[in-house]
């Protein structure tokens, strides 16, 4: 047994830089959140007494995100796509997106679907899938601008919260990793910029489809915001729409910078911190965020997996 041992076993202990980074993030989250466990212990009692009607409303709002997502592709792609099949694919992305960070699973799965269903080349399919995300960003920005014009925020940050420190550490860590891998990053940035030019030129050629796509994409953002709103209402929280949307934006920002699939840990920390800053008690804030994440992140995994299996079984991708 000993004679068969590898002469140089160092490779057995090697970890990818991304794996090390994720371990560090999880450790930071643990260090920050565990001391607050007692403070948030009453959240579970709150969750047991949530309002069923608001929970149902949140679930229906989550279903609407799937409908809007399918409609965006139907309006954006010049080739005719069947609505039910496209709806199934969007539902399946709620499974594939849980496997990879920042929606990469959704982009890849939709691209494969467009290659198979719309008979697009792999490049064109990737362009439209990426364009969909770009349109989503534009729609999200428009929603932020609109909400910022209808009222003022009452959020008081006060003494820096450890949860904000967690988000800041994540951003700093990503920056450091980017610097260390600058040569590799430079190549990826150049490739991305070339791809981005192709995306922009493609969507500009169809202004009507672009406009409709942006409007439908705002429906996705609004539906997700409604899920969070209904989640806060289900535990008795009453805050302004501006403060609610700030919490929603904070959650999306954490989702973007987090290396973990679905922004696990970072999203919860960011939204909870903002709600506490809006004078919501820690127990209610955490309870509402748990409900929001269960409805918007965890529950869709099951039907998403079923849709994924069906899509692959019938060779839609």
Protein backbone atom coordinates (compact mmCIF):
# COMPACT_ATOMS: atom_id res chain seq x y z
CA UNK A 1 0.00 0.00 0.00
CA UNK A 2 2.78 2.39 0.97
CA UNK A 3 4.82 1.53 -2.11
CA UNK A 4 1.88 2.48 -4.34
CA UNK A 5 1.55 5.92 -2.81
CA UNK A 6 2.28 8.77 -5.26
CA UNK A 7 5.79 10.18 -5.09
CA UNK A 8 4.53 13.75 -5.12
CA UNK A 9 1.09 13.94 -3.44
CA UNK A 10 0.93 17.75 -3.45
CA UNK A 11 -1.68 17.74 -6.23
CA UNK A 12 -4.04 15.94 -3.86
CA UNK A 13 -4.18 19.04 -1.67
CA UNK A 14 -4.48 21.66 -4.39
CA UNK A 15 -7.58 23.80 -4.44
CA UNK A 16 -8.75 26.07 -7.19
CA UNK A 17 -8.54 29.77 -6.37
CA UNK A 18 -12.31 30.07 -6.79
CA UNK A 19 -12.82 27.26 -4.27
CA UNK A 20 -10.53 28.93 -1.75
CA UNK A 21 -12.35 32.22 -2.29
CA UNK A 22 -15.75 30.66 -1.68
CA UNK A 23 -14.49 28.98 1.49
CA UNK A 24 -13.22 32.36 2.75
CA UNK A 25 -16.57 34.02 1.98
CA UNK A 26 -18.47 31.28 3.81
CA UNK A 27 -16.15 31.60 6.81
CA UNK A 28 -16.66 35.38 6.91
CA UNK A 29 -20.42 34.90 6.70
CA UNK A 30 -20.26 32.40 9.56
CA UNK A 31 -18.15 34.71 11.73
CA UNK A 32 -20.52 37.62 11.10
CA UNK A 33 -23.85 35.83 11.40
CA UNK A 34 -23.30 33.36 14.26
CA UNK A 35 -22.88 36.05 16.96
CA UNK A 36 -26.26 37.45 15.87
CA UNK A 37 -28.06 34.11 16.13
CA UNK A 38 -29.54 34.96 19.53
CA UNK A 39 -30.73 38.33 18.29
CA UNK A 40 -32.54 36.68 15.40
CA UNK A 41 -33.77 33.60 17.28
CA UNK A 42 -37.32 34.94 17.52
CA UNK A 43 -37.54 35.08 13.69
CA UNK A 44 -38.54 31.44 13.54
CA UNK A 45 -41.53 32.07 15.77
CA UNK A 46 -42.55 34.90 13.44
CA UNK A 47 -42.27 32.63 10.39
CA UNK A 48 -44.63 30.11 11.98
CA UNK A 49 -47.33 32.79 12.12
CA UNK A 50 -47.02 34.31 8.64
CA UNK A 51 -50.11 35.44 6.76
CA UNK A 52 -51.07 32.70 4.24
CA UNK A 53 -52.72 35.20 1.88
CA UNK A 54 -49.55 37.27 1.55
CA UNK A 55 -47.48 34.10 1.09
CA UNK A 56 -49.79 33.05 -1.76
CA UNK A 57 -49.52 36.54 -3.29
CA UNK A 58 -45.73 36.27 -3.16
CA UNK A 59 -45.86 32.85 -4.84
CA UNK A 60 -48.12 34.14 -7.64
CA UNK A 61 -45.74 37.09 -8.17
CA UNK A 62 -42.88 34.60 -8.48
CA UNK A 63 -44.82 32.68 -11.14
CA UNK A 64 -45.24 35.93 -13.06
CA UNK A 65 -41.46 36.28 -13.35
CA UNK A 66 -41.43 33.08 -15.41
CA UNK A 67 -44.20 34.33 -17.71
CA UNK A 68 -42.48 37.68 -18.27
CA UNK A 69 -39.13 35.94 -18.88
CA UNK A 70 -40.68 33.80 -21.60
CA UNK A 71 -42.39 36.79 -23.19
CA UNK A 72 -39.09 38.69 -23.33
CA UNK A 73 -37.54 35.95 -25.46
CA UNK A 74 -40.62 35.76 -27.68
CA UNK A 75 -40.39 39.50 -28.35
CA UNK A 76 -36.60 39.67 -28.67
CA UNK A 77 -35.76 36.73 -30.92
CA UNK A 78 -36.77 37.27 -34.58
CA UNK A 79 -37.54 33.57 -35.09
CA UNK A 80 -40.91 32.28 -33.88
CA UNK A 81 -40.74 30.45 -30.54
CA UNK A 82 -43.56 28.35 -29.04
CA UNK A 83 -44.80 29.99 -25.85
CA UNK A 84 -45.31 26.85 -23.75
CA UNK A 85 -41.93 25.41 -24.63
CA UNK A 86 -40.20 28.73 -23.95
CA UNK A 87 -42.07 28.95 -20.66
CA UNK A 88 -40.77 25.49 -19.75
CA UNK A 89 -37.21 26.54 -20.54
CA UNK A 90 -37.49 29.64 -18.34
CA UNK A 91 -38.79 27.47 -15.51
CA UNK A 92 -35.85 25.11 -16.03
CA UNK A 93 -33.41 28.01 -15.61
CA UNK A 94 -34.58 28.30 -12.01
CA UNK A 95 -32.75 25.01 -11.57
CA UNK A 96 -29.72 25.64 -13.81
CA UNK A 97 -29.17 29.11 -12.29
CA UNK A 98 -28.79 27.47 -8.88
CA UNK A 99 -25.74 25.59 -10.15
CA UNK A 100 -23.74 28.58 -11.36
CA UNK A 101 -23.33 32.16 -10.07
CA UNK A 102 -24.64 35.37 -11.68
CA UNK A 103 -27.19 33.72 -13.95
CA UNK A 104 -24.58 31.93 -16.06
CA UNK A 105 -26.60 28.72 -15.98
CA UNK A 106 -29.63 30.53 -17.38
CA UNK A 107 -27.66 32.14 -20.21
CA UNK A 108 -26.13 28.85 -21.30
CA UNK A 109 -29.39 26.89 -21.11
CA UNK A 110 -31.32 29.54 -23.05
CA UNK A 111 -28.56 29.65 -25.67
CA UNK A 112 -28.80 25.89 -26.17
CA UNK A 113 -32.58 26.21 -26.48
CA UNK A 114 -32.28 28.91 -29.15
CA UNK A 115 -29.83 26.79 -31.12
CA UNK A 116 -32.23 23.86 -31.06
CA UNK A 117 -35.58 25.64 -31.36
CA UNK A 118 -34.85 28.82 -33.36
CA UNK A 119 -32.14 27.17 -35.48
CA UNK A 120 -29.69 29.92 -34.61
CA UNK A 121 -25.95 29.48 -34.72
CA UNK A 122 -24.21 29.06 -31.37
CA UNK A 123 -22.82 32.57 -31.65
CA UNK A 124 -26.19 34.16 -32.45
CA UNK A 125 -27.88 32.16 -29.70
CA UNK A 126 -25.29 33.36 -27.18
CA UNK A 127 -25.79 36.93 -28.43
CA UNK A 128 -29.54 36.84 -27.83
CA UNK A 129 -29.18 35.13 -24.46
CA UNK A 130 -26.68 37.80 -23.42
CA UNK A 131 -28.88 40.54 -24.87
CA UNK A 132 -31.69 39.31 -22.66
CA UNK A 133 -29.52 39.91 -19.58
CA UNK A 134 -28.47 43.33 -20.85
CA UNK A 135 -32.11 44.28 -21.37
CA UNK A 136 -32.83 43.05 -17.86
CA UNK A 137 -30.16 45.40 -16.53
CA UNK A 138 -31.64 48.33 -18.47
CA UNK A 139 -35.13 47.52 -17.18
CA UNK A 140 -33.81 47.22 -13.63
CA UNK A 141 -32.09 50.61 -13.93
CA UNK A 142 -35.30 52.22 -15.21
CA UNK A 143 -37.19 50.81 -12.22
CA UNK A 144 -34.58 52.20 -9.84
CA UNK A 145 -34.81 55.65 -11.45
CA UNK A 146 -38.62 55.60 -11.29
CA UNK A 147 -38.78 54.59 -7.65
CA UNK A 148 -36.14 57.16 -6.67
CA UNK A 149 -38.33 59.93 -8.09
CA UNK A 150 -41.52 59.07 -6.19
CA UNK A 151 -40.29 59.48 -2.63
CA UNK A 152 -37.47 59.72 -0.12
CA UNK A 153 -35.85 57.00 1.91
CA UNK A 154 -36.11 56.86 5.69
CA UNK A 155 -33.27 54.40 6.06
CA UNK A 156 -30.74 55.37 8.72
CA UNK A 157 -27.48 53.54 8.46
CA UNK A 158 -26.15 54.78 11.81
CA UNK A 159 -23.33 52.69 13.21
CA UNK A 160 -21.82 50.45 10.54
CA UNK A 161 -23.45 47.03 10.63
CA UNK A 162 -21.27 43.90 10.43
CA UNK A 163 -23.42 42.76 7.55
CA UNK A 164 -22.27 45.74 5.48
CA UNK A 165 -18.71 44.73 6.31
CA UNK A 166 -19.40 41.29 4.84
CA UNK A 167 -20.52 42.78 1.53
CA UNK A 168 -17.52 45.14 1.49
CA UNK A 169 -15.14 42.23 2.13
CA UNK A 170 -16.66 40.30 -0.76
CA UNK A 171 -16.12 43.23 -3.12
CA UNK A 172 -12.53 43.73 -1.90
CA UNK A 173 -11.77 40.03 -2.27
CA UNK A 174 -13.09 39.99 -5.84
CA UNK A 175 -10.97 43.04 -6.66
CA UNK A 176 -7.86 41.37 -5.27
CA UNK A 177 -8.52 38.17 -7.20
CA UNK A 178 -9.05 40.17 -10.37
CA UNK A 179 -5.72 41.92 -9.85
CA UNK A 180 -3.88 38.64 -9.25
CA UNK A 181 -5.35 37.11 -12.39
CA UNK A 182 -5.03 40.28 -14.48
CA UNK A 183 -3.55 38.63 -17.58
CA UNK A 184 -6.29 36.06 -17.76
CA UNK A 185 -8.91 38.71 -16.99
CA UNK A 186 -7.58 41.00 -19.72
CA UNK A 187 -8.13 38.30 -22.34
CA UNK A 188 -11.64 37.65 -21.08
CA UNK A 189 -12.47 41.35 -21.03
CA UNK A 190 -11.29 41.78 -24.63
CA UNK A 191 -13.37 38.78 -25.74
CA UNK A 192 -16.37 40.08 -23.82
CA UNK A 193 -16.11 43.58 -25.32
CA UNK A 194 -16.00 42.12 -28.82
CA UNK A 195 -19.05 40.02 -28.02
CA UNK A 196 -20.77 43.01 -26.43
CA UNK A 197 -20.41 45.07 -29.62
CA UNK A 198 -22.14 42.30 -31.54
CA UNK A 199 -24.97 42.22 -28.99
CA UNK A 200 -25.52 45.97 -29.12
CA UNK A 201 -25.55 46.04 -32.92
CA UNK A 202 -28.00 43.15 -32.98
CA UNK A 203 -30.57 44.70 -30.65
CA UNK A 204 -30.30 48.19 -32.20
CA UNK A 205 -31.40 46.79 -35.55
CA UNK A 206 -34.82 45.97 -34.06
CA UNK A 207 -35.94 49.02 -32.01
CA UNK A 208 -39.58 47.91 -31.71
CA UNK A 209 -38.65 44.49 -30.37
CA UNK A 210 -36.12 46.14 -28.09
CA UNK A 211 -38.73 48.51 -26.62
CA UNK A 212 -41.26 45.73 -26.02
CA UNK A 213 -38.53 43.55 -24.50
CA UNK A 214 -37.49 46.28 -22.07
CA UNK A 215 -41.11 46.84 -20.98
CA UNK A 216 -41.64 43.13 -20.44
CA UNK A 217 -38.35 42.88 -18.59
CA UNK A 218 -39.49 45.61 -16.18
CA UNK A 219 -42.31 43.19 -15.39
CA UNK A 220 -39.71 40.68 -14.19
CA UNK A 221 -38.11 43.25 -11.90
CA UNK A 222 -41.49 44.45 -10.61
CA UNK A 223 -42.61 40.86 -9.95
CA UNK A 224 -39.49 40.08 -7.91
CA UNK A 225 -39.99 43.31 -5.96
CA UNK A 226 -43.59 42.26 -5.30
CA UNK A 227 -42.33 38.94 -3.93
CA UNK A 228 -40.18 40.84 -1.42
CA UNK A 229 -43.03 43.25 -0.61
CA UNK A 230 -45.48 40.42 0.01
CA UNK A 231 -42.86 38.63 2.12
CA UNK A 232 -42.47 41.68 4.36
CA UNK A 233 -46.25 42.08 4.58
CA UNK A 234 -46.65 38.42 5.56
CA UNK A 235 -44.82 39.07 8.84
CA UNK A 236 -46.42 42.45 9.51
CA UNK A 237 -43.71 44.80 8.21
CA UNK A 238 -44.96 48.11 6.81
CA UNK A 239 -42.30 50.22 5.06
CA UNK A 240 -42.35 52.65 2.15
CA UNK A 241 -41.99 51.43 -1.41
CA UNK A 242 -38.73 53.40 -1.70
CA UNK A 243 -37.15 51.68 1.29
CA UNK A 244 -38.43 48.32 0.09
CA UNK A 245 -36.88 48.85 -3.34
CA UNK A 246 -33.59 49.93 -1.77
CA UNK A 247 -33.55 46.60 0.06
CA UNK A 248 -34.36 44.85 -3.21
CA UNK A 249 -31.54 46.68 -5.02
CA UNK A 250 -29.12 45.80 -2.20
CA UNK A 251 -30.05 42.15 -2.58
CA UNK A 252 -29.44 42.27 -6.34
CA UNK A 253 -26.11 44.02 -5.83
CA UNK A 254 -25.04 41.30 -3.41
CA UNK A 255 -26.22 38.68 -5.91
CA UNK A 256 -24.05 40.24 -8.62
CA UNK A 257 -20.80 40.35 -6.62
CA UNK A 258 -21.25 37.08 -4.76
CA UNK A 259 -19.28 34.10 -6.11
CA UNK A 260 -21.76 31.62 -4.66
CA UNK A 261 -24.70 30.35 -6.76
CA UNK A 262 -27.75 32.51 -6.14
CA UNK A 263 -25.73 34.77 -3.87
CA UNK A 264 -26.39 32.46 -0.91
CA UNK A 265 -25.55 34.29 2.31
CA UNK A 266 -24.71 37.64 0.71
CA UNK A 267 -28.26 38.38 -0.52
CA UNK A 268 -29.82 37.54 2.83
CA UNK A 269 -27.27 39.65 4.67
CA UNK A 270 -27.72 42.68 2.40
CA UNK A 271 -31.53 42.77 2.45
CA UNK A 272 -31.69 42.15 6.19
CA UNK A 273 -29.22 44.97 6.86
CA UNK A 274 -31.24 47.47 4.79
CA UNK A 275 -34.52 46.49 6.43
CA UNK A 276 -32.95 46.93 9.87
CA UNK A 277 -31.74 50.34 8.69
CA UNK A 278 -35.38 51.14 7.86
CA UNK A 279 -36.26 50.67 11.56
CA UNK A 280 -37.53 47.11 11.15
CA UNK A 281 -36.78 44.84 14.10
CA UNK A 282 -34.03 42.27 13.40
CA UNK A 283 -36.35 39.33 14.01
CA UNK A 284 -38.99 40.59 11.57
CA UNK A 285 -36.36 41.61 9.01
CA UNK A 286 -34.70 38.20 8.97
CA UNK A 287 -38.05 36.39 8.97
CA UNK A 288 -39.24 38.31 5.90
CA UNK A 289 -35.95 37.70 4.09
CA UNK A 290 -36.10 33.98 4.83
CA UNK A 291 -39.63 33.85 3.39
CA UNK A 292 -38.54 35.88 0.36
CA UNK A 293 -35.60 33.59 -0.36
CA UNK A 294 -37.62 30.43 0.16
CA UNK A 295 -40.22 31.60 -2.36
CA UNK A 296 -37.87 33.23 -4.86
CA UNK A 297 -34.87 30.90 -4.64
CA UNK A 298 -35.43 27.55 -2.96
CA UNK A 299 -38.97 26.52 -3.91
CA UNK A 300 -38.49 27.08 -7.70
CA UNK A 301 -35.65 24.52 -7.69
CA UNK A 302 -38.08 21.57 -7.56
CA UNK A 303 -40.33 22.55 -10.51
CA UNK A 304 -37.21 23.89 -12.23
CA UNK A 305 -35.58 20.47 -12.00
CA UNK A 306 -38.72 18.78 -13.34
CA UNK A 307 -38.79 21.26 -16.25
CA UNK A 308 -35.07 20.68 -16.84
CA UNK A 309 -35.58 16.92 -17.04
CA UNK A 310 -38.55 17.34 -19.38
CA UNK A 311 -36.63 19.76 -21.62
CA UNK A 312 -33.70 17.37 -21.92
CA UNK A 313 -35.93 14.31 -22.34
CA UNK A 314 -37.79 15.84 -25.28
CA UNK A 315 -34.57 17.36 -26.64
CA UNK A 316 -35.69 21.00 -26.44
CA UNK A 317 -32.03 21.82 -25.77
